[in-house]
PDB file of all heavy atoms in Angstrom:
ATOM      1  N   ARG A   1      78.725  34.362  61.344  1.00  0.00           N
ATOM      2  CA  ARG A   1      80.006  33.840  61.687  1.00  0.00           C
ATOM      3  C   ARG A   1      80.270  33.958  63.153  1.00  0.00           C
ATOM      4  O   ARG A   1      80.816  33.108  63.799  1.00  0.00           O
ATOM      5  CB  ARG A   1      81.094  34.447  60.835  1.00  0.00           C
ATOM      6  CG  ARG A   1      82.428  33.781  60.933  1.00  0.00           C
ATOM      7  CD  ARG A   1      83.456  34.423  60.059  1.00  0.00           C
ATOM      8  NE  ARG A   1      84.700  33.778  60.097  1.00  0.00           N
ATOM      9  CZ  ARG A   1      85.780  34.260  59.481  1.00  0.00           C
ATOM     10  NH1 ARG A   1      85.753  35.358  58.805  1.00  0.00           N
ATOM     11  NH2 ARG A   1      86.962  33.592  59.580  1.00  0.00           N
ATOM     12  N   ARG A   2      79.884  35.099  63.775  1.00  0.00           N
ATOM     13  CA  ARG A   2      80.073  35.291  65.200  1.00  0.00           C
ATOM     14  C   ARG A   2      79.374  34.275  66.017  1.00  0.00           C
ATOM     15  O   ARG A   2      79.914  33.684  66.990  1.00  0.00           O
ATOM     16  CB  ARG A   2      79.630  36.700  65.586  1.00  0.00           C
ATOM     17  CG  ARG A   2      80.436  37.838  65.018  1.00  0.00           C
ATOM     18  CD  ARG A   2      80.185  39.143  65.785  1.00  0.00           C
ATOM     19  NE  ARG A   2      78.767  39.575  65.791  1.00  0.00           N
ATOM     20  CZ  ARG A   2      78.271  40.460  64.898  1.00  0.00           C
ATOM     21  NH1 ARG A   2      79.000  41.019  63.986  1.00  0.00           N
ATOM     22  NH2 ARG A   2      76.983  40.852  65.026  1.00  0.00           N
ATOM     23  N   ILE A   3      78.089  33.987  65.655  1.00  0.00           N
ATOM     24  CA  ILE A   3      77.312  33.001  66.381  1.00  0.00           C
ATOM     25  C   ILE A   3      77.930  31.605  66.237  1.00  0.00           C
ATOM     26  O   ILE A   3      77.946  30.880  67.178  1.00  0.00           O
ATOM     27  CB  ILE A   3      75.847  33.064  65.909  1.00  0.00           C
ATOM     28  CG1 ILE A   3      75.233  34.406  66.284  1.00  0.00           C
ATOM     29  CG2 ILE A   3      75.073  31.934  66.537  1.00  0.00           C
ATOM     30  CD1 ILE A   3      73.802  34.636  65.783  1.00  0.00           C
ATOM     31  N   LEU A   4      78.314  31.280  64.991  1.00  0.00           N
ATOM     32  CA  LEU A   4      78.972  29.977  64.803  1.00  0.00           C
ATOM     33  C   LEU A   4      80.265  29.801  65.561  1.00  0.00           C
ATOM     34  O   LEU A   4      80.497  28.784  66.150  1.00  0.00           O
ATOM     35  CB  LEU A   4      79.248  29.733  63.291  1.00  0.00           C
ATOM     36  CG  LEU A   4      78.002  29.511  62.407  1.00  0.00           C
ATOM     37  CD1 LEU A   4      78.424  29.446  60.937  1.00  0.00           C
ATOM     38  CD2 LEU A   4      77.241  28.227  62.786  1.00  0.00           C
ATOM     39  N   LEU A   5      81.035  30.878  65.639  1.00  0.00           N
ATOM     40  CA  LEU A   5      82.292  30.828  66.453  1.00  0.00           C
ATOM     41  C   LEU A   5      82.034  30.649  67.898  1.00  0.00           C
ATOM     42  O   LEU A   5      82.667  29.907  68.595  1.00  0.00           O
ATOM     43  CB  LEU A   5      83.061  32.083  66.172  1.00  0.00           C
ATOM     44  CG  LEU A   5      83.777  32.214  64.753  1.00  0.00           C
ATOM     45  CD1 LEU A   5      84.369  33.606  64.584  1.00  0.00           C
ATOM     46  CD2 LEU A   5      84.903  31.146  64.636  1.00  0.00           C
ATOM     47  N   SER A   6      81.024  31.353  68.401  1.00  0.00           N
ATOM     48  CA  SER A   6      80.582  31.214  69.757  1.00  0.00           C
ATOM     49  C   SER A   6      80.145  29.813  70.113  1.00  0.00           C
ATOM     50  O   SER A   6      80.459  29.264  71.126  1.00  0.00           O
ATOM     51  CB  SER A   6      79.499  32.277  70.140  1.00  0.00           C
ATOM     52  OG  SER A   6      79.203  32.219  71.505  1.00  0.00           O
ATOM     53  N   ALA A   7      79.316  29.240  69.230  1.00  0.00           N
ATOM     54  CA  ALA A   7      78.839  27.902  69.389  1.00  0.00           C
ATOM     55  C   ALA A   7      79.965  26.888  69.373  1.00  0.00           C
ATOM     56  O   ALA A   7      79.851  25.791  69.995  1.00  0.00           O
ATOM     57  CB  ALA A   7      77.731  27.578  68.348  1.00  0.00           C
ATOM     58  N   SER A   8      80.990  27.172  68.608  1.00  0.00           N
ATOM     59  CA  SER A   8      82.082  26.228  68.426  1.00  0.00           C
ATOM     60  C   SER A   8      82.824  25.951  69.759  1.00  0.00           C
ATOM     61  O   SER A   8      83.517  24.939  69.900  1.00  0.00           O
ATOM     62  CB  SER A   8      83.097  26.729  67.421  1.00  0.00           C
ATOM     63  OG  SER A   8      83.879  27.818  67.901  1.00  0.00           O
ATOM     64  N   PHE A   9      82.697  26.813  70.731  1.00  0.00           N
ATOM     65  CA  PHE A   9      83.391  26.630  71.999  1.00  0.00           C
ATOM     66  C   PHE A   9      82.882  25.450  72.717  1.00  0.00           C
ATOM     67  O   PHE A   9      83.574  24.867  73.648  1.00  0.00           O
ATOM     68  CB  PHE A   9      83.201  27.862  72.897  1.00  0.00           C
ATOM     69  CG  PHE A   9      84.070  29.044  72.480  1.00  0.00           C
ATOM     70  CD1 PHE A   9      83.496  30.259  72.306  1.00  0.00           C
ATOM     71  CD2 PHE A   9      85.395  28.883  72.231  1.00  0.00           C
ATOM     72  CE1 PHE A   9      84.251  31.383  71.886  1.00  0.00           C
ATOM     73  CE2 PHE A   9      86.205  29.984  71.820  1.00  0.00           C
ATOM     74  CZ  PHE A   9      85.576  31.214  71.653  1.00  0.00           C
ATOM     75  N   PHE A  10      81.645  24.975  72.408  1.00  0.00           N
ATOM     76  CA  PHE A  10      81.220  23.684  73.042  1.00  0.00           C
ATOM     77  C   PHE A  10      82.120  22.589  72.754  1.00  0.00           C
ATOM     78  O   PHE A  10      82.290  21.675  73.565  1.00  0.00           O
ATOM     79  CB  PHE A  10      79.781  23.350  72.480  1.00  0.00           C
ATOM     80  CG  PHE A  10      78.643  24.092  73.114  1.00  0.00           C
ATOM     81  CD1 PHE A  10      78.133  25.250  72.498  1.00  0.00           C
ATOM     82  CD2 PHE A  10      78.065  23.688  74.333  1.00  0.00           C
ATOM     83  CE1 PHE A  10      77.086  25.990  73.100  1.00  0.00           C
ATOM     84  CE2 PHE A  10      77.057  24.369  74.907  1.00  0.00           C
ATOM     85  CZ  PHE A  10      76.514  25.506  74.294  1.00  0.00           C
ATOM     86  N   LEU A  11      82.695  22.522  71.589  1.00  0.00           N
ATOM     87  CA  LEU A  11      83.562  21.385  71.155  1.00  0.00           C
ATOM     88  C   LEU A  11      84.850  21.275  71.986  1.00  0.00           C
ATOM     89  O   LEU A  11      85.198  20.118  72.240  1.00  0.00           O
ATOM     90  CB  LEU A  11      83.908  21.590  69.681  1.00  0.00           C
ATOM     91  CG  LEU A  11      82.757  21.648  68.643  1.00  0.00           C
ATOM     92  CD1 LEU A  11      83.322  21.926  67.231  1.00  0.00           C
ATOM     93  CD2 LEU A  11      82.029  20.301  68.690  1.00  0.00           C
ATOM     94  N   PHE A  12      85.353  22.440  72.400  1.00  0.00           N
ATOM     95  CA  PHE A  12      86.594  22.359  73.191  1.00  0.00           C
ATOM     96  C   PHE A  12      86.454  21.700  74.518  1.00  0.00           C
ATOM     97  O   PHE A  12      87.162  20.785  74.935  1.00  0.00           O
ATOM     98  CB  PHE A  12      87.213  23.761  73.347  1.00  0.00           C
ATOM     99  CG  PHE A  12      87.619  24.368  72.038  1.00  0.00           C
ATOM    100  CD1 PHE A  12      86.820  25.277  71.369  1.00  0.00           C
ATOM    101  CD2 PHE A  12      88.782  24.024  71.400  1.00  0.00           C
ATOM    102  CE1 PHE A  12      87.158  25.861  70.180  1.00  0.00           C
ATOM    103  CE2 PHE A  12      89.201  24.579  70.192  1.00  0.00           C
ATOM    104  CZ  PHE A  12      88.384  25.493  69.542  1.00  0.00           C
ATOM    105  N   ALA A  13      85.418  22.177  75.283  1.00  0.00           N
ATOM    106  CA  ALA A  13      85.202  21.606  76.581  1.00  0.00           C
ATOM    107  C   ALA A  13      84.779  20.140  76.572  1.00  0.00           C
ATOM    108  O   ALA A  13      85.232  19.304  77.305  1.00  0.00           O
ATOM    109  CB  ALA A  13      84.162  22.421  77.309  1.00  0.00           C
ATOM    110  N   THR A  14      83.852  19.816  75.564  1.00  0.00           N
ATOM    111  CA  THR A  14      83.364  18.450  75.508  1.00  0.00           C
ATOM    112  C   THR A  14      84.459  17.512  75.089  1.00  0.00           C
ATOM    113  O   THR A  14      84.640  16.424  75.692  1.00  0.00           O
ATOM    114  CB  THR A  14      82.198  18.436  74.451  1.00  0.00           C
ATOM    115  OG1 THR A  14      81.194  19.290  74.932  1.00  0.00           O
ATOM    116  CG2 THR A  14      81.616  17.016  74.331  1.00  0.00           C
ATOM    117  N   SER A  15      85.245  17.911  74.044  1.00  0.00           N
ATOM    118  CA  SER A  15      86.315  16.982  73.601  1.00  0.00           C
ATOM    119  C   SER A  15      87.354  16.716  74.653  1.00  0.00           C
ATOM    120  O   SER A  15      87.766  15.606  74.907  1.00  0.00           O
ATOM    121  CB  SER A  15      86.977  17.545  72.322  1.00  0.00           C
ATOM    122  OG  SER A  15      86.039  17.713  71.327  1.00  0.00           O
ATOM    123  N   ALA A  16      87.766  17.833  75.351  1.00  0.00           N
ATOM    124  CA  ALA A  16      88.759  17.693  76.365  1.00  0.00           C
ATOM    125  C   ALA A  16      88.276  16.878  77.537  1.00  0.00           C
ATOM    126  O   ALA A  16      89.041  16.094  78.137  1.00  0.00           O
ATOM    127  CB  ALA A  16      89.222  19.108  76.862  1.00  0.00           C
ATOM    128  N   ALA A  17      87.039  17.060  77.949  1.00  0.00           N
ATOM    129  CA  ALA A  17      86.479  16.324  79.034  1.00  0.00           C
ATOM    130  C   ALA A  17      86.425  14.825  78.766  1.00  0.00           C
ATOM    131  O   ALA A  17      86.819  14.011  79.584  1.00  0.00           O
ATOM    132  CB  ALA A  17      85.064  16.830  79.403  1.00  0.00           C
ATOM    133  N   LEU A  18      85.947  14.484  77.578  1.00  0.00           N
ATOM    134  CA  LEU A  18      85.856  13.087  77.189  1.00  0.00           C
ATOM    135  C   LEU A  18      87.269  12.413  77.111  1.00  0.00           C
ATOM    136  O   LEU A  18      87.499  11.347  77.602  1.00  0.00           O
ATOM    137  CB  LEU A  18      85.105  12.900  75.891  1.00  0.00           C
ATOM    138  CG  LEU A  18      83.636  13.281  75.930  1.00  0.00           C
ATOM    139  CD1 LEU A  18      83.020  13.208  74.541  1.00  0.00           C
ATOM    140  CD2 LEU A  18      82.822  12.361  76.898  1.00  0.00           C
ATOM    141  N   LEU A  19      88.197  13.141  76.417  1.00  0.00           N
ATOM    142  CA  LEU A  19      89.566  12.636  76.307  1.00  0.00           C
ATOM    143  C   LEU A  19      90.204  12.411  77.659  1.00  0.00           C
ATOM    144  O   LEU A  19      90.844  11.405  77.934  1.00  0.00           O
ATOM    145  CB  LEU A  19      90.377  13.507  75.358  1.00  0.00           C
ATOM    146  CG  LEU A  19      90.075  13.419  73.899  1.00  0.00           C
ATOM    147  CD1 LEU A  19      90.845  14.450  73.123  1.00  0.00           C
ATOM    148  CD2 LEU A  19      90.361  11.969  73.351  1.00  0.00           C
ATOM    149  N   SER A  20      90.183  13.474  78.498  1.00  0.00           N
ATOM    150  CA  SER A  20      90.832  13.444  79.770  1.00  0.00           C
ATOM    151  C   SER A  20      90.206  12.318  80.638  1.00  0.00           C
ATOM    152  O   SER A  20      90.939  11.623  81.372  1.00  0.00           O
ATOM    153  CB  SER A  20      90.737  14.792  80.512  1.00  0.00           C
ATOM    154  OG  SER A  20      89.421  15.128  80.787  1.00  0.00           O
ATOM    155  N   TYR A  21      88.904  12.131  80.617  1.00  0.00           N
ATOM    156  CA  TYR A  21      88.242  11.144  81.387  1.00  0.00           C
ATOM    157  C   TYR A  21      88.728   9.720  80.922  1.00  0.00           C
ATOM    158  O   TYR A  21      89.101   8.841  81.774  1.00  0.00           O
ATOM    159  CB  TYR A  21      86.710  11.237  81.256  1.00  0.00           C
ATOM    160  CG  TYR A  21      85.991  10.092  82.014  1.00  0.00           C
ATOM    161  CD1 TYR A  21      85.871  10.142  83.384  1.00  0.00           C
ATOM    162  CD2 TYR A  21      85.420   9.038  81.303  1.00  0.00           C
ATOM    163  CE1 TYR A  21      85.184   9.168  84.080  1.00  0.00           C
ATOM    164  CE2 TYR A  21      84.729   8.060  81.954  1.00  0.00           C
ATOM    165  CZ  TYR A  21      84.621   8.138  83.319  1.00  0.00           C
ATOM    166  OH  TYR A  21      83.905   7.100  83.993  1.00  0.00           O
ATOM    167  N   LEU A  22      88.777   9.500  79.654  1.00  0.00           N
ATOM    168  CA  LEU A  22      89.183   8.227  79.097  1.00  0.00           C
ATOM    169  C   LEU A  22      90.672   7.960  79.376  1.00  0.00           C
ATOM    170  O   LEU A  22      91.059   6.835  79.659  1.00  0.00           O
ATOM    171  CB  LEU A  22      88.862   8.139  77.637  1.00  0.00           C
ATOM    172  CG  LEU A  22      87.378   8.127  77.326  1.00  0.00           C
ATOM    173  CD1 LEU A  22      87.209   8.255  75.795  1.00  0.00           C
ATOM    174  CD2 LEU A  22      86.663   6.903  77.836  1.00  0.00           C
ATOM    175  N   LEU A  23      91.503   8.998  79.197  1.00  0.00           N
ATOM    176  CA  LEU A  23      92.990   8.807  79.256  1.00  0.00           C
ATOM    177  C   LEU A  23      93.492   8.888  80.698  1.00  0.00           C
ATOM    178  O   LEU A  23      94.487   8.253  81.053  1.00  0.00           O
ATOM    179  CB  LEU A  23      93.704   9.885  78.403  1.00  0.00           C
ATOM    180  CG  LEU A  23      93.402   9.782  76.908  1.00  0.00           C
ATOM    181  CD1 LEU A  23      94.126  10.881  76.239  1.00  0.00           C
ATOM    182  CD2 LEU A  23      93.828   8.423  76.366  1.00  0.00           C
ATOM    183  N   LEU A  24      92.836   9.697  81.528  1.00  0.00           N
ATOM    184  CA  LEU A  24      93.408   9.936  82.892  1.00  0.00           C
ATOM    185  C   LEU A  24      92.700   9.143  83.951  1.00  0.00           C
ATOM    186  O   LEU A  24      93.204   9.114  85.087  1.00  0.00           O
ATOM    187  CB  LEU A  24      93.292  11.401  83.203  1.00  0.00           C
ATOM    188  CG  LEU A  24      94.109  12.401  82.328  1.00  0.00           C
ATOM    189  CD1 LEU A  24      93.883  13.826  82.713  1.00  0.00           C
ATOM    190  CD2 LEU A  24      95.586  12.091  82.350  1.00  0.00           C
ATOM    191  N   LYS A  25      91.543   8.516  83.664  1.00  0.00           N
ATOM    192  CA  LYS A  25      90.919   7.788  84.746  1.00  0.00           C
ATOM    193  C   LYS A  25      91.751   6.693  85.411  1.00  0.00           C
ATOM    194  O   LYS A  25      91.757   6.600  86.613  1.00  0.00           O
ATOM    195  CB  LYS A  25      89.621   7.116  84.158  1.00  0.00           C
ATOM    196  CG  LYS A  25      88.807   6.434  85.239  1.00  0.00           C
ATOM    197  CD  LYS A  25      87.514   5.856  84.669  1.00  0.00           C
ATOM    198  CE  LYS A  25      86.709   5.207  85.802  1.00  0.00           C
ATOM    199  NZ  LYS A  25      85.409   4.624  85.234  1.00  0.00           N
ATOM    200  N   GLY A  26      92.512   6.063  84.634  1.00  0.00           N
ATOM    201  CA  GLY A  26      93.426   5.008  85.224  1.00  0.00           C
ATOM    202  C   GLY A  26      94.853   5.461  85.408  1.00  0.00           C
ATOM    203  O   GLY A  26      95.670   4.633  85.786  1.00  0.00           O
ATOM    204  N   ALA A  27      95.121   6.791  85.168  1.00  0.00           N
ATOM    205  CA  ALA A  27      96.476   7.299  85.322  1.00  0.00           C
ATOM    206  C   ALA A  27      96.829   7.540  86.738  1.00  0.00           C
ATOM    207  O   ALA A  27      95.994   7.698  87.649  1.00  0.00           O
ATOM    208  CB  ALA A  27      96.676   8.549  84.499  1.00  0.00           C
ATOM    209  N   SER A  28      98.139   7.712  87.032  1.00  0.00           N
ATOM    210  CA  SER A  28      98.599   8.083  88.363  1.00  0.00           C
ATOM    211  C   SER A  28      98.253   9.488  88.641  1.00  0.00           C
ATOM    212  O   SER A  28      97.979  10.362  87.781  1.00  0.00           O
ATOM    213  CB  SER A  28     100.098   7.869  88.442  1.00  0.00           C
ATOM    214  OG  SER A  28     100.781   8.787  87.583  1.00  0.00           O
ATOM    215  N   ASP A  29      98.220   9.829  89.978  1.00  0.00           N
ATOM    216  CA  ASP A  29      98.010  11.206  90.377  1.00  0.00           C
ATOM    217  C   ASP A  29      99.030  12.142  89.825  1.00  0.00           C
ATOM    218  O   ASP A  29      98.684  13.300  89.466  1.00  0.00           O
ATOM    219  CB  ASP A  29      98.013  11.276  91.910  1.00  0.00           C
ATOM    220  CG  ASP A  29      96.768  10.636  92.528  1.00  0.00           C
ATOM    221  OD1 ASP A  29      95.770  10.409  91.832  1.00  0.00           O
ATOM    222  OD2 ASP A  29      96.817  10.349  93.768  1.00  0.00           O
ATOM    223  N   GLU A  30     100.275  11.713  89.665  1.00  0.00           N
ATOM    224  CA  GLU A  30     101.335  12.526  89.169  1.00  0.00           C
ATOM    225  C   GLU A  30     101.048  13.012  87.764  1.00  0.00           C
ATOM    226  O   GLU A  30     101.211  14.165  87.388  1.00  0.00           O
ATOM    227  CB  GLU A  30     102.682  11.849  89.263  1.00  0.00           C
ATOM    228  CG  GLU A  30     103.251  11.717  90.667  1.00  0.00           C
ATOM    229  CD  GLU A  30     102.581  10.554  91.371  1.00  0.00           C
ATOM    230  OE1 GLU A  30     101.833   9.804  90.810  1.00  0.00           O
ATOM    231  OE2 GLU A  30     102.927  10.447  92.602  1.00  0.00           O
ATOM    232  N   VAL A  31     100.541  12.085  86.931  1.00  0.00           N
ATOM    233  CA  VAL A  31     100.248  12.431  85.513  1.00  0.00           C
ATOM    234  C   VAL A  31      99.070  13.392  85.402  1.00  0.00           C
ATOM    235  O   VAL A  31      99.081  14.362  84.687  1.00  0.00           O
ATOM    236  CB  VAL A  31      99.935  11.131  84.746  1.00  0.00           C
ATOM    237  CG1 VAL A  31      99.392  11.468  83.375  1.00  0.00           C
ATOM    238  CG2 VAL A  31     101.173  10.260  84.637  1.00  0.00           C
ATOM    239  N   ARG A  32      98.074  13.119  86.210  1.00  0.00           N
ATOM    240  CA  ARG A  32      96.894  14.067  86.176  1.00  0.00           C
ATOM    241  C   ARG A  32      97.283  15.448  86.646  1.00  0.00           C
ATOM    242  O   ARG A  32      96.852  16.475  86.122  1.00  0.00           O
ATOM    243  CB  ARG A  32      95.772  13.460  87.029  1.00  0.00           C
ATOM    244  CG  ARG A  32      95.034  12.339  86.347  1.00  0.00           C
ATOM    245  CD  ARG A  32      93.846  11.923  87.158  1.00  0.00           C
ATOM    246  NE  ARG A  32      94.231  11.005  88.283  1.00  0.00           N
ATOM    247  CZ  ARG A  32      93.425  10.333  89.048  1.00  0.00           C
ATOM    248  NH1 ARG A  32      92.121  10.463  88.883  1.00  0.00           N
ATOM    249  NH2 ARG A  32      93.878   9.547  90.048  1.00  0.00           N
ATOM    250  N   MET A  33      98.084  15.543  87.713  1.00  0.00           N
ATOM    251  CA  MET A  33      98.454  16.824  88.208  1.00  0.00           C
ATOM    252  C   MET A  33      99.371  17.613  87.298  1.00  0.00           C
ATOM    253  O   MET A  33      99.348  18.815  87.155  1.00  0.00           O
ATOM    254  CB  MET A  33      99.057  16.698  89.604  1.00  0.00           C
ATOM    255  CG  MET A  33      98.153  16.205  90.664  1.00  0.00           C
ATOM    256  SD  MET A  33      96.563  17.169  90.780  1.00  0.00           S
ATOM    257  CE  MET A  33      95.406  16.021  90.071  1.00  0.00           C
TER     258      MET A  33
END
């Protein structure tokens, strides 16, 4: 379970990066900041 929990951290960075790239790429600087 420890190893699975450690591996699960990949999901947080990957999901957030993809979502922020898709949602913020065309957003204003104020929204991104």
